[in-house]
Protein backbone atom coordinates (compact mmCIF):
# COMPACT_ATOMS: atom_id res chain seq x y z
CA UNK A 1 0.00 0.00 0.00
CA UNK A 2 1.27 3.47 -0.77
CA UNK A 3 2.14 5.74 2.15
CA UNK A 4 -0.31 8.45 1.14
CA UNK A 5 -3.15 5.91 0.83
CA UNK A 6 -2.45 4.63 4.33
CA UNK A 7 -2.38 8.18 5.71
CA UNK A 8 -5.72 8.95 4.05
CA UNK A 9 -7.20 5.77 5.52
CA UNK A 10 -5.85 6.67 8.97
CA UNK A 11 -7.30 10.18 8.79
CA UNK A 12 -10.65 8.88 7.52
CA UNK A 13 -10.82 6.63 10.58
CA UNK A 14 -10.23 9.37 13.14
CA UNK A 15 -6.44 9.41 13.40
CA UNK A 16 -4.25 12.48 13.30
CA UNK A 17 -0.52 13.12 13.03
CA UNK A 18 0.73 13.45 16.60
CA UNK A 19 4.41 14.01 15.82
CA UNK A 20 7.26 13.28 13.45
CA UNK A 21 9.88 10.82 14.58
CA UNK A 22 13.30 10.31 13.02
CA UNK A 23 12.13 7.67 10.53
CA UNK A 24 8.44 7.32 11.35
CA UNK A 25 5.36 9.50 11.77
CA UNK A 26 3.29 8.80 14.87
CA UNK A 27 -0.47 8.75 14.28
CA UNK A 28 -2.96 8.73 17.14
CA UNK A 29 -6.61 7.69 17.09
CA UNK A 30 -8.56 10.48 18.77
CA UNK A 31 -11.44 8.12 19.64
CA UNK A 32 -9.52 5.56 21.69
CA UNK A 33 -6.09 7.14 22.28
CA UNK A 34 -4.12 4.39 20.54
CA UNK A 35 -0.90 5.33 18.74
CA UNK A 36 0.95 3.68 15.86
CA UNK A 37 4.22 4.49 14.10
CA UNK A 38 3.92 4.76 10.32
CA UNK A 39 7.20 4.37 8.41
CA UNK A 40 8.04 7.00 5.80
CA UNK A 41 8.45 4.79 2.74
CA UNK A 42 6.72 5.09 -0.60
CA UNK A 43 5.46 1.54 -0.41
CA UNK A 44 4.49 -0.07 2.92
CA UNK A 45 4.24 -3.86 3.14
CA UNK A 46 0.80 -5.33 3.74
CA UNK A 47 1.93 -7.03 6.96
CA UNK A 48 2.95 -3.64 8.38
CA UNK A 49 -0.37 -2.14 7.26
CA UNK A 50 -2.24 -4.89 9.14
CA UNK A 51 -0.20 -4.24 12.29
CA UNK A 52 -0.95 -0.50 12.08
CA UNK A 53 -4.66 -1.19 11.57
CA UNK A 54 -4.86 -3.57 14.53
CA UNK A 55 -2.92 -1.16 16.72
CA UNK A 56 -5.07 1.90 16.09
CA UNK A 57 -8.67 0.74 15.58
CA UNK A 58 -11.37 -1.33 17.14
CA UNK A 59 -13.29 -1.08 13.87
CA UNK A 60 -12.06 0.05 10.48
CA UNK A 61 -14.08 2.04 7.96
CA UNK A 62 -13.39 1.14 4.33
CA UNK A 63 -15.79 2.51 1.73
CA UNK A 64 -18.30 3.40 4.47
CA UNK A 65 -18.50 -0.21 5.72
CA UNK A 66 -17.38 -1.32 9.17
CA UNK A 67 -14.93 -4.17 9.40
CA UNK A 68 -14.27 -5.72 12.81
C-alpha atoms as a PDB file:
ATOM      1  CA  UNK A   1       0.000   0.000   0.000  1.00  0.00           C
ATOM      2  CA  UNK A   2       1.274   3.467  -0.771  1.00  0.00           C
ATOM      3  CA  UNK A   3       2.141   5.738   2.151  1.00  0.00           C
ATOM      4  CA  UNK A   4      -0.313   8.455   1.144  1.00  0.00           C
ATOM      5  CA  UNK A   5      -3.151   5.914   0.825  1.00  0.00           C
ATOM      6  CA  UNK A   6      -2.455   4.629   4.330  1.00  0.00           C
ATOM      7  CA  UNK A   7      -2.379   8.184   5.710  1.00  0.00           C
ATOM      8  CA  UNK A   8      -5.720   8.954   4.048  1.00  0.00           C
ATOM      9  CA  UNK A   9      -7.196   5.774   5.522  1.00  0.00           C
ATOM     10  CA  UNK A  10      -5.854   6.673   8.966  1.00  0.00           C
ATOM     11  CA  UNK A  11      -7.303  10.177   8.786  1.00  0.00           C
ATOM     12  CA  UNK A  12     -10.648   8.877   7.524  1.00  0.00           C
ATOM     13  CA  UNK A  13     -10.819   6.627  10.580  1.00  0.00           C
ATOM     14  CA  UNK A  14     -10.230   9.375  13.138  1.00  0.00           C
ATOM     15  CA  UNK A  15      -6.441   9.415  13.399  1.00  0.00           C
ATOM     16  CA  UNK A  16      -4.251  12.483  13.296  1.00  0.00           C
ATOM     17  CA  UNK A  17      -0.524  13.120  13.033  1.00  0.00           C
ATOM     18  CA  UNK A  18       0.730  13.449  16.597  1.00  0.00           C
ATOM     19  CA  UNK A  19       4.411  14.011  15.824  1.00  0.00           C
ATOM     20  CA  UNK A  20       7.256  13.283  13.445  1.00  0.00           C
ATOM     21  CA  UNK A  21       9.879  10.823  14.577  1.00  0.00           C
ATOM     22  CA  UNK A  22      13.297  10.307  13.023  1.00  0.00           C
ATOM     23  CA  UNK A  23      12.131   7.674  10.531  1.00  0.00           C
ATOM     24  CA  UNK A  24       8.436   7.324  11.352  1.00  0.00           C
ATOM     25  CA  UNK A  25       5.363   9.497  11.772  1.00  0.00           C
ATOM     26  CA  UNK A  26       3.289   8.803  14.874  1.00  0.00           C
ATOM     27  CA  UNK A  27      -0.465   8.750  14.283  1.00  0.00           C
ATOM     28  CA  UNK A  28      -2.959   8.727  17.142  1.00  0.00           C
ATOM     29  CA  UNK A  29      -6.605   7.690  17.090  1.00  0.00           C
ATOM     30  CA  UNK A  30      -8.562  10.475  18.771  1.00  0.00           C
ATOM     31  CA  UNK A  31     -11.437   8.116  19.637  1.00  0.00           C
ATOM     32  CA  UNK A  32      -9.523   5.559  21.690  1.00  0.00           C
ATOM     33  CA  UNK A  33      -6.087   7.144  22.280  1.00  0.00           C
ATOM     34  CA  UNK A  34      -4.117   4.392  20.540  1.00  0.00           C
ATOM     35  CA  UNK A  35      -0.902   5.330  18.737  1.00  0.00           C
ATOM     36  CA  UNK A  36       0.950   3.685  15.862  1.00  0.00           C
ATOM     37  CA  UNK A  37       4.218   4.486  14.102  1.00  0.00           C
ATOM     38  CA  UNK A  38       3.922   4.760  10.319  1.00  0.00           C
ATOM     39  CA  UNK A  39       7.200   4.374   8.409  1.00  0.00           C
ATOM     40  CA  UNK A  40       8.044   6.995   5.805  1.00  0.00           C
ATOM     41  CA  UNK A  41       8.445   4.785   2.738  1.00  0.00           C
ATOM     42  CA  UNK A  42       6.718   5.092  -0.603  1.00  0.00           C
ATOM     43  CA  UNK A  43       5.463   1.538  -0.405  1.00  0.00           C
ATOM     44  CA  UNK A  44       4.492  -0.067   2.918  1.00  0.00           C
ATOM     45  CA  UNK A  45       4.237  -3.856   3.139  1.00  0.00           C
ATOM     46  CA  UNK A  46       0.796  -5.335   3.741  1.00  0.00           C
ATOM     47  CA  UNK A  47       1.930  -7.025   6.963  1.00  0.00           C
ATOM     48  CA  UNK A  48       2.949  -3.640   8.375  1.00  0.00           C
ATOM     49  CA  UNK A  49      -0.373  -2.136   7.257  1.00  0.00           C
ATOM     50  CA  UNK A  50      -2.235  -4.891   9.137  1.00  0.00           C
ATOM     51  CA  UNK A  51      -0.200  -4.238  12.292  1.00  0.00           C
ATOM     52  CA  UNK A  52      -0.951  -0.504  12.081  1.00  0.00           C
ATOM     53  CA  UNK A  53      -4.663  -1.188  11.569  1.00  0.00           C
ATOM     54  CA  UNK A  54      -4.857  -3.573  14.529  1.00  0.00           C
ATOM     55  CA  UNK A  55      -2.921  -1.158  16.717  1.00  0.00           C
ATOM     56  CA  UNK A  56      -5.069   1.904  16.093  1.00  0.00           C
ATOM     57  CA  UNK A  57      -8.670   0.745  15.583  1.00  0.00           C
ATOM     58  CA  UNK A  58     -11.365  -1.332  17.136  1.00  0.00           C
ATOM     59  CA  UNK A  59     -13.294  -1.080  13.868  1.00  0.00           C
ATOM     60  CA  UNK A  60     -12.056   0.047  10.482  1.00  0.00           C
ATOM     61  CA  UNK A  61     -14.082   2.044   7.959  1.00  0.00           C
ATOM     62  CA  UNK A  62     -13.392   1.144   4.334  1.00  0.00           C
ATOM     63  CA  UNK A  63     -15.788   2.509   1.734  1.00  0.00           C
ATOM     64  CA  UNK A  64     -18.300   3.398   4.468  1.00  0.00           C
ATOM     65  CA  UNK A  65     -18.503  -0.215   5.716  1.00  0.00           C
ATOM     66  CA  UNK A  66     -17.384  -1.318   9.174  1.00  0.00           C
ATOM     67  CA  UNK A  67     -14.925  -4.168   9.395  1.00  0.00           C
ATOM     68  CA  UNK A  68     -14.274  -5.722  12.806  1.00  0.00           C
END
